[in-house]
Amino acid sequence: MSTSTSGRRRRADAERSIARIVSAARDSLSKDPTASIDDIAKAAGVGRMTLYGHFRTRADLVEAALGDALRSGEEVLSAVDLTGDARDALTRLLDSSWSLVAESTALLTAAQGTLPAERIRQLHTAPAERVQELIRRGQEQGAFRTDMPMTWLVSVIQHVLHGAAEENRTGRLKPEETGPVVIATVQSILAVPSPR
């Protein structure tokens, strides 16, 4: 066997090992944001040394797990039809978003305890830009309010989604109720205020 073949095999083995570790981290941290390196290594079926060979710190592993979850979510959200009326497009986006947020809330909690706030914001750039662009379009169509800063409106929507995920996790909102509640809440926040 040639050196290049064995090198490719080692790289392929390493990539499978990394994928298994990141998947185990996503799963473990989604269930328990305080999951330890030992917990994650055990769930991945690897030793600590193997895990540390790929991820030098817990923060590196948490970032990899959150990044992987966000990439998966991005695949789902990029397939949502955002054409046409901005209110209808927002409804479709929120309907797809809240369950993704629910899935990654515990991961976000793990990240907030480990990663700098600026890094977490950077990882969330694509979803935030999608919402911002949709709000801007709705404002141009006269469908959404223009009397509040864009960054505030995007932030409020993110808080509503995370709040809904928490309500869902604790059983205060049933899964079938959560989507409609999120949509109604965000649509009312963005609605153009009635003239006084």
Protein backbone atom coordinates (compact mmCIF):
# COMPACT_ATOMS: atom_id res chain seq x y z
CA MET A 1 0.00 0.00 0.00
CA SER A 2 1.38 3.40 -0.94
CA THR A 3 2.08 6.17 1.56
CA SER A 4 -0.51 8.42 -0.10
CA THR A 5 -3.18 5.68 0.17
CA SER A 6 -2.48 5.11 3.86
CA GLY A 7 -2.45 8.89 4.38
CA ARG A 8 -5.86 9.22 2.73
CA ARG A 9 -7.19 6.35 4.85
CA ARG A 10 -5.91 8.04 8.05
CA ARG A 11 -7.55 11.31 6.99
CA ALA A 12 -10.83 9.52 6.23
CA ASP A 13 -10.66 7.75 9.62
CA ALA A 14 -9.96 11.09 11.34
CA GLU A 15 -12.88 12.75 9.53
CA ARG A 16 -15.24 9.94 10.60
CA SER A 17 -13.97 10.22 14.16
CA ILE A 18 -14.49 14.01 14.19
CA ALA A 19 -18.00 13.64 12.74
CA ARG A 20 -18.85 11.03 15.39
CA ILE A 21 -17.52 13.28 18.18
CA VAL A 22 -19.37 16.38 16.91
CA SER A 23 -22.60 14.39 16.55
CA ALA A 24 -22.21 13.03 20.09
CA ALA A 25 -21.48 16.54 21.36
CA ARG A 26 -24.62 17.91 19.70
CA ASP A 27 -26.71 15.15 21.18
CA SER A 28 -25.13 15.27 24.65
CA LEU A 29 -25.15 19.07 24.95
CA SER A 30 -28.74 19.24 23.65
CA LYS A 31 -29.78 17.01 26.55
CA ASP A 32 -27.44 18.60 29.11
CA PRO A 33 -25.60 21.88 28.39
CA THR A 34 -23.11 21.01 31.16
CA ALA A 35 -22.15 17.63 29.63
CA SER A 36 -18.47 16.95 30.25
CA ILE A 37 -15.74 15.95 27.84
CA ASP A 38 -15.89 12.47 29.41
CA ASP A 39 -19.66 12.26 28.77
CA ILE A 40 -19.19 13.29 25.14
CA ALA A 41 -16.23 10.97 24.54
CA LYS A 42 -18.22 8.06 25.98
CA ALA A 43 -21.25 8.92 23.81
CA ALA A 44 -18.97 9.08 20.74
CA GLY A 45 -17.35 5.76 21.62
CA VAL A 46 -13.85 7.27 21.75
CA GLY A 47 -11.28 7.84 24.47
CA ARG A 48 -10.45 11.23 25.95
CA MET A 49 -7.09 11.24 24.17
CA THR A 50 -8.78 10.74 20.79
CA LEU A 51 -11.25 13.52 21.53
CA TYR A 52 -8.49 15.88 22.67
CA GLY A 53 -6.52 14.96 19.55
CA HIS A 54 -9.24 16.66 17.51
CA PHE A 55 -10.55 19.31 19.95
CA ARG A 56 -8.01 20.91 22.28
CA THR A 57 -10.61 22.38 24.66
CA ARG A 58 -14.26 21.94 25.60
CA ALA A 59 -14.89 25.38 24.08
CA ASP A 60 -13.56 24.15 20.71
CA LEU A 61 -15.91 21.16 20.88
CA VAL A 62 -18.92 23.26 21.93
CA GLU A 63 -18.25 25.66 19.04
CA ALA A 64 -17.98 22.74 16.60
CA ALA A 65 -21.29 21.29 17.87
CA LEU A 66 -23.11 24.64 17.68
CA GLY A 67 -21.64 25.36 14.24
CA ASP A 68 -22.76 21.94 13.01
CA ALA A 69 -26.30 22.50 14.34
CA LEU A 70 -26.45 25.94 12.72
CA ARG A 71 -25.23 24.53 9.37
CA SER A 72 -27.95 21.86 9.52
CA GLY A 73 -30.51 24.53 10.33
CA GLU A 74 -29.21 26.71 7.50
CA GLU A 75 -29.86 23.88 5.03
CA VAL A 76 -33.48 23.73 6.19
CA LEU A 77 -34.03 27.50 6.28
CA SER A 78 -32.37 28.18 2.92
CA ALA A 79 -35.00 25.90 1.34
CA VAL A 80 -37.91 27.99 2.73
CA ASP A 81 -39.71 29.99 0.02
CA LEU A 82 -39.32 33.65 1.01
CA THR A 83 -40.78 35.12 -2.17
CA GLY A 84 -43.99 37.12 -2.44
CA ASP A 85 -45.78 38.89 0.39
CA ALA A 86 -43.38 39.50 3.29
CA ARG A 87 -45.97 38.58 5.94
CA ASP A 88 -46.61 35.20 4.29
CA ALA A 89 -42.87 34.62 3.81
CA LEU A 90 -42.25 35.46 7.47
CA THR A 91 -44.94 32.97 8.52
CA ARG A 92 -43.21 30.23 6.50
CA LEU A 93 -39.81 31.15 7.94
CA LEU A 94 -41.03 31.22 11.54
CA ASP A 95 -42.87 27.94 11.09
CA SER A 96 -39.57 26.33 10.07
CA SER A 97 -37.41 28.25 12.56
CA TRP A 98 -38.98 27.67 15.94
CA SER A 99 -38.41 23.90 15.98
CA LEU A 100 -34.77 24.39 14.96
CA VAL A 101 -34.35 26.90 17.77
CA ALA A 102 -36.02 24.48 20.19
CA GLU A 103 -33.53 21.81 19.18
CA SER A 104 -30.51 24.07 19.69
CA THR A 105 -31.53 26.02 22.82
CA ALA A 106 -29.53 23.78 25.15
CA LEU A 107 -26.58 23.95 22.74
CA LEU A 108 -26.81 27.73 22.85
CA THR A 109 -26.85 27.59 26.66
CA ALA A 110 -23.67 25.50 26.55
CA ALA A 111 -22.11 27.99 24.12
CA GLN A 112 -23.08 31.00 26.24
CA GLY A 113 -21.26 29.48 29.19
CA THR A 114 -18.18 28.74 27.09
CA LEU A 115 -17.77 31.02 24.07
CA PRO A 116 -17.46 34.82 23.85
CA ALA A 117 -20.73 36.60 23.00
CA GLU A 118 -19.19 38.04 19.83
CA ARG A 119 -18.34 34.54 18.55
CA ILE A 120 -21.92 33.37 19.17
CA ARG A 121 -23.21 36.40 17.24
CA GLN A 122 -20.84 35.58 14.35
CA LEU A 123 -22.11 32.00 14.21
CA HIS A 124 -25.70 33.32 14.00
CA THR A 125 -24.97 35.81 11.19
CA ALA A 126 -26.76 33.98 8.35
CA PRO A 127 -30.08 33.44 10.21
CA ALA A 128 -30.06 37.04 11.49
CA GLU A 129 -29.37 38.42 8.00
CA ARG A 130 -32.22 36.36 6.54
CA VAL A 131 -34.69 37.80 9.07
CA GLN A 132 -33.31 41.31 8.60
CA GLU A 133 -33.69 41.15 4.82
CA LEU A 134 -37.25 39.88 5.17
CA ILE A 135 -38.17 42.65 7.61
CA ARG A 136 -36.63 45.25 5.29
CA ARG A 137 -38.68 43.92 2.39
CA GLY A 138 -41.83 43.97 4.52
CA GLN A 139 -41.10 47.56 5.48
CA GLU A 140 -40.75 48.49 1.80
CA GLN A 141 -44.10 46.76 1.13
CA GLY A 142 -45.68 48.77 3.97
CA ALA A 143 -46.42 45.54 5.87
CA PHE A 144 -44.00 45.98 8.82
CA ARG A 145 -43.34 48.83 11.18
CA THR A 146 -40.48 51.24 10.52
CA ASP A 147 -40.47 53.13 13.82
CA MET A 148 -37.97 50.87 15.62
CA PRO A 149 -34.33 50.01 14.88
CA MET A 150 -33.82 46.95 12.67
CA THR A 151 -31.32 45.40 15.10
CA TRP A 152 -33.93 45.63 17.86
CA LEU A 153 -36.64 43.96 15.78
CA VAL A 154 -34.31 41.09 14.83
CA SER A 155 -33.23 40.71 18.46
CA VAL A 156 -36.83 40.63 19.70
CA ILE A 157 -37.71 37.91 17.17
CA GLN A 158 -34.73 35.85 18.34
CA HIS A 159 -35.86 36.26 21.95
CA VAL A 160 -39.41 35.19 21.05
CA LEU A 161 -38.06 32.07 19.34
CA HIS A 162 -35.85 31.17 22.30
CA GLY A 163 -38.67 31.88 24.74
CA ALA A 164 -41.01 29.64 22.77
CA ALA A 165 -38.39 26.88 22.75
CA GLU A 166 -38.11 27.11 26.54
CA GLU A 167 -41.91 27.09 26.98
CA ASN A 168 -42.04 24.04 24.73
CA ARG A 169 -39.21 22.29 26.63
CA THR A 170 -40.95 22.76 29.98
CA GLY A 171 -44.33 21.65 28.62
CA ARG A 172 -46.04 25.02 29.11
CA LEU A 173 -46.63 25.11 25.35
CA LYS A 174 -47.48 21.98 23.38
CA PRO A 175 -45.48 21.41 20.17
CA GLU A 176 -48.58 21.87 18.01
CA GLU A 177 -49.33 25.21 19.74
CA THR A 178 -45.84 26.64 19.60
CA GLY A 179 -45.59 27.48 15.88
CA PRO A 180 -48.91 29.39 15.75
CA VAL A 181 -48.08 31.24 19.00
CA VAL A 182 -44.65 32.28 17.68
CA ILE A 183 -46.12 33.44 14.36
CA ALA A 184 -48.94 35.43 15.99
CA THR A 185 -46.53 37.05 18.47
CA VAL A 186 -43.95 38.09 15.88
CA GLN A 187 -46.57 39.28 13.38
CA SER A 188 -48.13 41.48 16.09
CA ILE A 189 -44.70 42.89 17.03
CA LEU A 190 -43.94 43.78 13.40
CA ALA A 191 -47.42 45.08 12.55
CA VAL A 192 -47.65 48.70 11.48
CA PRO A 193 -49.07 50.63 14.46
CA SER A 194 -52.54 52.12 14.01
CA PRO A 195 -52.54 55.89 13.75
CA ARG A 196 -53.59 57.59 16.98
